[in-house]
N, C-alpha and C. Protein backbone atom coordinates (compact mmCIF):
# COMPACT_ATOMS: atom_id res chain seq x y z
N MET A 1 -26.99 2.17 -17.51
CA MET A 1 -25.85 2.54 -16.70
C MET A 1 -26.28 3.02 -15.32
N ALA A 2 -27.32 3.85 -15.27
CA ALA A 2 -27.80 4.37 -13.98
C ALA A 2 -28.30 3.23 -13.11
N ASN A 3 -28.98 2.25 -13.74
CA ASN A 3 -29.48 1.11 -12.97
C ASN A 3 -28.33 0.33 -12.34
N GLU A 4 -27.25 0.17 -13.09
CA GLU A 4 -26.09 -0.56 -12.57
C GLU A 4 -25.47 0.20 -11.40
N ALA A 5 -25.37 1.51 -11.52
CA ALA A 5 -24.81 2.32 -10.43
C ALA A 5 -25.71 2.24 -9.20
N ASP A 6 -27.03 2.30 -9.40
CA ASP A 6 -27.97 2.18 -8.29
C ASP A 6 -27.85 0.81 -7.62
N TYR A 7 -27.75 -0.22 -8.46
CA TYR A 7 -27.62 -1.58 -7.94
C TYR A 7 -26.37 -1.71 -7.07
N ARG A 8 -25.25 -1.21 -7.58
CA ARG A 8 -23.99 -1.28 -6.83
C ARG A 8 -24.09 -0.51 -5.51
N ALA A 9 -24.73 0.64 -5.53
CA ALA A 9 -24.89 1.44 -4.31
C ALA A 9 -25.73 0.68 -3.28
N ARG A 10 -26.83 0.06 -3.75
CA ARG A 10 -27.69 -0.71 -2.84
C ARG A 10 -26.93 -1.92 -2.28
N GLN A 11 -26.17 -2.59 -3.13
CA GLN A 11 -25.39 -3.74 -2.68
C GLN A 11 -24.38 -3.32 -1.61
N LYS A 12 -23.74 -2.19 -1.84
CA LYS A 12 -22.74 -1.69 -0.89
C LYS A 12 -23.39 -1.39 0.46
N LEU A 13 -24.53 -0.71 0.44
CA LEU A 13 -25.25 -0.40 1.68
C LEU A 13 -25.69 -1.67 2.41
N CYS A 14 -26.17 -2.62 1.64
CA CYS A 14 -26.62 -3.88 2.21
C CYS A 14 -25.45 -4.62 2.88
N LEU A 15 -24.32 -4.65 2.23
CA LEU A 15 -23.14 -5.30 2.78
C LEU A 15 -22.65 -4.59 4.04
N GLU A 16 -22.64 -3.26 4.02
CA GLU A 16 -22.24 -2.50 5.20
C GLU A 16 -23.16 -2.79 6.38
N LYS A 17 -24.47 -2.86 6.12
CA LYS A 17 -25.44 -3.17 7.19
C LYS A 17 -25.20 -4.58 7.73
N TRP A 18 -24.96 -5.54 6.84
CA TRP A 18 -24.72 -6.92 7.26
C TRP A 18 -23.48 -6.99 8.13
N ARG A 19 -22.42 -6.29 7.73
CA ARG A 19 -21.19 -6.29 8.53
C ARG A 19 -21.40 -5.66 9.90
N LYS A 20 -22.20 -4.60 9.93
CA LYS A 20 -22.48 -3.93 11.20
C LYS A 20 -23.28 -4.86 12.12
N ASP A 21 -24.26 -5.56 11.55
CA ASP A 21 -25.12 -6.44 12.35
C ASP A 21 -24.43 -7.73 12.76
N LYS A 22 -23.43 -8.15 11.99
CA LYS A 22 -22.78 -9.44 12.24
C LYS A 22 -21.25 -9.26 12.27
N PRO A 23 -20.71 -8.72 13.36
CA PRO A 23 -19.25 -8.56 13.45
C PRO A 23 -18.54 -9.92 13.35
N ALA A 24 -17.35 -9.92 12.79
CA ALA A 24 -16.63 -11.17 12.53
C ALA A 24 -16.37 -11.96 13.80
N HIS A 25 -15.98 -11.30 14.88
CA HIS A 25 -15.67 -12.05 16.10
C HIS A 25 -16.92 -12.76 16.65
N LYS A 26 -18.07 -12.14 16.50
CA LYS A 26 -19.31 -12.79 16.96
C LYS A 26 -19.65 -13.98 16.06
N TYR A 27 -19.41 -13.80 14.77
CA TYR A 27 -19.67 -14.91 13.83
C TYR A 27 -18.78 -16.10 14.20
N GLN A 28 -17.50 -15.84 14.45
CA GLN A 28 -16.57 -16.92 14.79
C GLN A 28 -16.98 -17.61 16.09
N ASN A 29 -17.34 -16.82 17.09
CA ASN A 29 -17.78 -17.41 18.36
C ASN A 29 -19.02 -18.27 18.17
N GLN A 30 -19.96 -17.76 17.41
CA GLN A 30 -21.19 -18.51 17.17
C GLN A 30 -20.90 -19.79 16.39
N TYR A 31 -20.02 -19.72 15.41
CA TYR A 31 -19.66 -20.90 14.62
C TYR A 31 -19.06 -21.97 15.52
N ARG A 32 -18.17 -21.55 16.41
CA ARG A 32 -17.55 -22.52 17.32
C ARG A 32 -18.58 -23.15 18.25
N GLN A 33 -19.53 -22.35 18.71
CA GLN A 33 -20.58 -22.89 19.58
C GLN A 33 -21.46 -23.88 18.82
N ASP A 34 -21.72 -23.60 17.56
CA ASP A 34 -22.59 -24.46 16.76
C ASP A 34 -21.88 -25.70 16.23
N HIS A 35 -20.55 -25.73 16.25
CA HIS A 35 -19.77 -26.84 15.69
C HIS A 35 -18.72 -27.31 16.69
N PRO A 36 -19.13 -27.95 17.77
CA PRO A 36 -18.17 -28.37 18.80
C PRO A 36 -17.17 -29.42 18.29
N ASP A 37 -17.58 -30.26 17.34
CA ASP A 37 -16.64 -31.25 16.79
C ASP A 37 -15.50 -30.57 16.07
N TYR A 38 -15.82 -29.54 15.34
CA TYR A 38 -14.80 -28.75 14.62
C TYR A 38 -13.78 -28.19 15.61
N VAL A 39 -14.28 -27.67 16.73
CA VAL A 39 -13.40 -27.07 17.75
C VAL A 39 -12.47 -28.13 18.34
N SER A 40 -13.01 -29.28 18.69
CA SER A 40 -12.17 -30.31 19.32
C SER A 40 -11.13 -30.87 18.35
N VAL A 41 -11.51 -31.06 17.09
CA VAL A 41 -10.55 -31.54 16.09
C VAL A 41 -9.43 -30.52 15.90
N ASN A 42 -9.78 -29.25 15.82
CA ASN A 42 -8.76 -28.22 15.65
C ASN A 42 -7.83 -28.14 16.85
N ARG A 43 -8.38 -28.31 18.05
CA ARG A 43 -7.53 -28.29 19.25
C ARG A 43 -6.51 -29.42 19.21
N GLU A 44 -6.95 -30.60 18.80
CA GLU A 44 -6.04 -31.74 18.71
C GLU A 44 -4.95 -31.49 17.66
N LYS A 45 -5.36 -30.97 16.52
CA LYS A 45 -4.38 -30.66 15.47
C LYS A 45 -3.36 -29.63 15.96
N GLN A 46 -3.82 -28.63 16.70
CA GLN A 46 -2.91 -27.61 17.21
C GLN A 46 -1.94 -28.20 18.22
N LYS A 47 -2.40 -29.13 19.04
CA LYS A 47 -1.51 -29.80 20.00
C LYS A 47 -0.40 -30.53 19.26
N VAL A 48 -0.74 -31.22 18.17
CA VAL A 48 0.26 -31.94 17.37
C VAL A 48 1.26 -30.96 16.77
N ARG A 49 0.76 -29.84 16.20
CA ARG A 49 1.67 -28.84 15.62
C ARG A 49 2.60 -28.26 16.68
N ASN A 50 2.06 -27.97 17.85
CA ASN A 50 2.88 -27.43 18.93
C ASN A 50 3.96 -28.43 19.36
N GLN A 51 3.59 -29.70 19.44
CA GLN A 51 4.56 -30.72 19.84
C GLN A 51 5.67 -30.85 18.80
N LYS A 52 5.30 -30.83 17.52
CA LYS A 52 6.32 -30.89 16.46
C LYS A 52 7.28 -29.72 16.57
N ARG A 53 6.74 -28.55 16.84
CA ARG A 53 7.56 -27.34 16.96
C ARG A 53 8.52 -27.46 18.15
N ARG A 54 8.04 -28.01 19.26
CA ARG A 54 8.89 -28.17 20.44
C ARG A 54 9.98 -29.19 20.20
N ASP A 55 9.68 -30.23 19.40
CA ASP A 55 10.64 -31.30 19.16
C ASP A 55 11.75 -30.92 18.19
N GLN A 56 11.57 -29.87 17.43
CA GLN A 56 12.58 -29.46 16.45
C GLN A 56 13.82 -28.92 17.16
N THR A 57 14.97 -29.23 16.59
CA THR A 57 16.20 -28.63 17.11
C THR A 57 16.26 -27.20 16.61
N SER A 58 17.14 -26.41 17.20
CA SER A 58 17.25 -25.01 16.79
C SER A 58 17.69 -24.89 15.34
N GLN A 59 18.51 -25.84 14.84
CA GLN A 59 18.95 -25.80 13.44
C GLN A 59 17.77 -26.02 12.50
N GLU A 60 16.84 -26.89 12.87
CA GLU A 60 15.70 -27.16 12.01
C GLU A 60 14.74 -25.98 11.96
N LYS A 61 14.75 -25.16 12.99
CA LYS A 61 13.85 -24.01 13.04
C LYS A 61 14.33 -22.87 12.15
N ILE A 62 15.62 -22.87 11.83
CA ILE A 62 16.17 -21.80 11.00
C ILE A 62 15.74 -22.04 9.56
N VAL A 63 15.15 -21.05 8.95
CA VAL A 63 14.61 -21.21 7.61
C VAL A 63 15.69 -21.07 6.56
N LYS A 64 16.48 -20.02 6.64
CA LYS A 64 17.45 -19.72 5.59
C LYS A 64 18.86 -19.96 6.12
N MET A 65 19.48 -21.02 5.65
CA MET A 65 20.80 -21.38 6.15
C MET A 65 21.93 -20.64 5.44
N ASP A 66 21.66 -20.09 4.25
CA ASP A 66 22.73 -19.43 3.49
C ASP A 66 22.60 -17.91 3.54
N ALA A 67 22.08 -17.39 4.62
CA ALA A 67 21.92 -15.94 4.76
C ALA A 67 23.28 -15.27 4.84
N LEU A 68 23.31 -13.99 4.51
CA LEU A 68 24.56 -13.24 4.60
C LEU A 68 25.04 -13.19 6.04
N GLN A 69 26.34 -13.27 6.19
CA GLN A 69 26.92 -13.18 7.52
C GLN A 69 26.90 -11.73 7.98
N THR A 70 26.77 -11.53 9.29
CA THR A 70 26.80 -10.16 9.80
C THR A 70 28.20 -9.58 9.72
N GLN A 71 29.21 -10.42 9.82
CA GLN A 71 30.60 -9.99 9.69
C GLN A 71 31.20 -10.71 8.48
N PRO A 72 31.23 -10.08 7.30
CA PRO A 72 31.79 -10.76 6.13
C PRO A 72 33.27 -11.07 6.33
N GLU A 73 33.73 -12.09 5.60
CA GLU A 73 35.12 -12.52 5.74
C GLU A 73 36.09 -11.43 5.30
N LYS A 74 35.77 -10.72 4.23
CA LYS A 74 36.63 -9.61 3.83
C LYS A 74 35.77 -8.39 3.56
N THR A 75 36.33 -7.26 3.81
CA THR A 75 35.60 -6.02 3.64
C THR A 75 35.51 -5.68 2.17
N MET A 76 34.32 -5.33 1.73
CA MET A 76 34.12 -4.92 0.34
C MET A 76 33.27 -3.67 0.34
N SER A 77 33.41 -2.87 -0.68
CA SER A 77 32.59 -1.68 -0.86
C SER A 77 31.79 -1.86 -2.13
N TYR A 78 30.64 -1.23 -2.19
CA TYR A 78 29.77 -1.36 -3.34
C TYR A 78 29.30 0.02 -3.81
N ILE A 79 29.05 0.10 -5.10
CA ILE A 79 28.43 1.29 -5.68
C ILE A 79 27.04 0.86 -6.12
N MET A 80 26.03 1.61 -5.73
CA MET A 80 24.67 1.30 -6.16
C MET A 80 24.25 2.36 -7.17
N THR A 81 23.92 1.91 -8.37
CA THR A 81 23.51 2.83 -9.43
C THR A 81 22.18 2.36 -10.00
N SER A 82 21.40 3.29 -10.51
CA SER A 82 20.14 2.89 -11.14
C SER A 82 20.44 2.22 -12.47
N TYR A 83 19.56 1.38 -12.91
CA TYR A 83 19.77 0.63 -14.14
C TYR A 83 18.54 0.78 -15.00
N LYS A 84 18.69 1.29 -16.19
CA LYS A 84 17.55 1.47 -17.09
C LYS A 84 17.36 0.18 -17.88
N MET A 85 16.10 -0.22 -17.98
CA MET A 85 15.80 -1.46 -18.68
C MET A 85 14.76 -1.18 -19.76
N ASP A 86 14.92 -1.80 -20.88
CA ASP A 86 13.99 -1.64 -21.99
C ASP A 86 12.63 -2.23 -21.60
N ALA A 87 11.56 -1.47 -21.77
CA ALA A 87 10.21 -1.91 -21.39
C ALA A 87 9.74 -3.10 -22.21
N SER A 88 10.37 -3.38 -23.33
CA SER A 88 9.95 -4.51 -24.16
C SER A 88 10.33 -5.85 -23.54
N LYS A 89 11.04 -5.84 -22.42
CA LYS A 89 11.40 -7.09 -21.75
C LYS A 89 10.19 -7.71 -21.04
N LYS A 90 9.07 -6.98 -21.01
CA LYS A 90 7.80 -7.47 -20.49
C LYS A 90 7.88 -7.87 -19.02
N ILE A 91 8.42 -7.02 -18.21
CA ILE A 91 8.40 -7.25 -16.77
C ILE A 91 7.03 -6.82 -16.27
N VAL A 92 6.42 -7.62 -15.44
CA VAL A 92 5.06 -7.35 -15.00
C VAL A 92 4.98 -6.06 -14.19
N LYS A 93 5.85 -5.90 -13.23
CA LYS A 93 5.81 -4.72 -12.37
C LYS A 93 6.76 -3.68 -12.94
N MET A 94 6.22 -2.68 -13.62
CA MET A 94 7.05 -1.72 -14.34
C MET A 94 7.64 -0.63 -13.45
N ASP A 95 7.13 -0.45 -12.22
CA ASP A 95 7.68 0.60 -11.38
C ASP A 95 8.74 0.07 -10.41
N THR A 96 9.23 -1.12 -10.66
CA THR A 96 10.28 -1.69 -9.82
C THR A 96 11.60 -0.98 -10.09
N LEU A 97 12.35 -0.74 -9.04
CA LEU A 97 13.66 -0.11 -9.18
C LEU A 97 14.71 -1.19 -9.33
N PHE A 98 15.42 -1.18 -10.44
CA PHE A 98 16.52 -2.10 -10.63
C PHE A 98 17.80 -1.39 -10.23
N VAL A 99 18.61 -2.07 -9.48
CA VAL A 99 19.91 -1.50 -9.14
C VAL A 99 20.97 -2.54 -9.47
N GLN A 100 22.14 -2.06 -9.71
CA GLN A 100 23.26 -2.93 -9.97
C GLN A 100 24.32 -2.62 -8.93
N LEU A 101 24.73 -3.63 -8.19
CA LEU A 101 25.79 -3.44 -7.21
C LEU A 101 27.11 -3.85 -7.85
N GLN A 102 28.08 -2.99 -7.74
CA GLN A 102 29.38 -3.26 -8.33
C GLN A 102 30.42 -3.25 -7.23
N ALA A 103 31.15 -4.33 -7.12
CA ALA A 103 32.21 -4.39 -6.12
C ALA A 103 33.42 -3.63 -6.64
N PHE A 104 34.08 -2.93 -5.76
CA PHE A 104 35.31 -2.26 -6.17
C PHE A 104 36.33 -2.31 -5.04
N HIS A 105 37.58 -2.29 -5.43
CA HIS A 105 38.69 -2.30 -4.49
C HIS A 105 39.48 -1.03 -4.71
N GLY A 106 39.71 -0.29 -3.65
CA GLY A 106 40.42 0.97 -3.79
C GLY A 106 39.57 1.95 -4.55
N ASP A 107 40.12 2.53 -5.61
CA ASP A 107 39.34 3.50 -6.40
C ASP A 107 38.99 2.96 -7.78
N LYS A 108 39.07 1.63 -7.97
CA LYS A 108 38.73 1.02 -9.26
C LYS A 108 37.54 0.08 -9.06
N TYR A 109 36.67 0.07 -10.03
CA TYR A 109 35.58 -0.89 -9.99
C TYR A 109 35.32 -1.40 -11.40
N THR A 110 34.66 -2.54 -11.48
CA THR A 110 34.39 -3.18 -12.76
C THR A 110 32.91 -3.10 -13.06
N PHE A 111 32.54 -2.68 -14.24
CA PHE A 111 31.14 -2.60 -14.65
C PHE A 111 30.77 -3.89 -15.34
N SER A 112 29.68 -4.48 -14.93
CA SER A 112 29.20 -5.71 -15.53
C SER A 112 28.09 -5.38 -16.52
N ALA A 113 28.29 -5.69 -17.78
CA ALA A 113 27.29 -5.40 -18.81
C ALA A 113 26.25 -6.50 -18.91
N ASN A 114 26.35 -7.54 -18.11
CA ASN A 114 25.43 -8.68 -18.19
C ASN A 114 24.22 -8.53 -17.29
N PHE A 115 23.99 -7.38 -16.74
CA PHE A 115 22.86 -7.18 -15.83
C PHE A 115 21.60 -6.90 -16.62
N PRO A 116 20.51 -7.37 -16.22
CA PRO A 116 20.24 -8.46 -15.29
C PRO A 116 20.33 -9.79 -15.98
């Protein structure tokens, strides 16, 4: 066990020294200098991507077409309540907060037992 801890400590120190001696930006600059073909091919690819982006209409640039409207057609109110879920449902992230939104009109609202 002690040998493994010593090994890990030495590896960590060695990696820290390597990072200090070889900063990422210098590595990238050196790589580009050593591989001019790579640089020219990437420049050409970027020009094509930029041209495609310029050629798109504004509608094509919008990712989500069914987003909520900023001004809904009718005013609605919601109640947000916490929802307890049985852990046996095997949800991977157990600290997620589940909420149930319930629409109501006036002072009446309907509870949906089908959540989630």
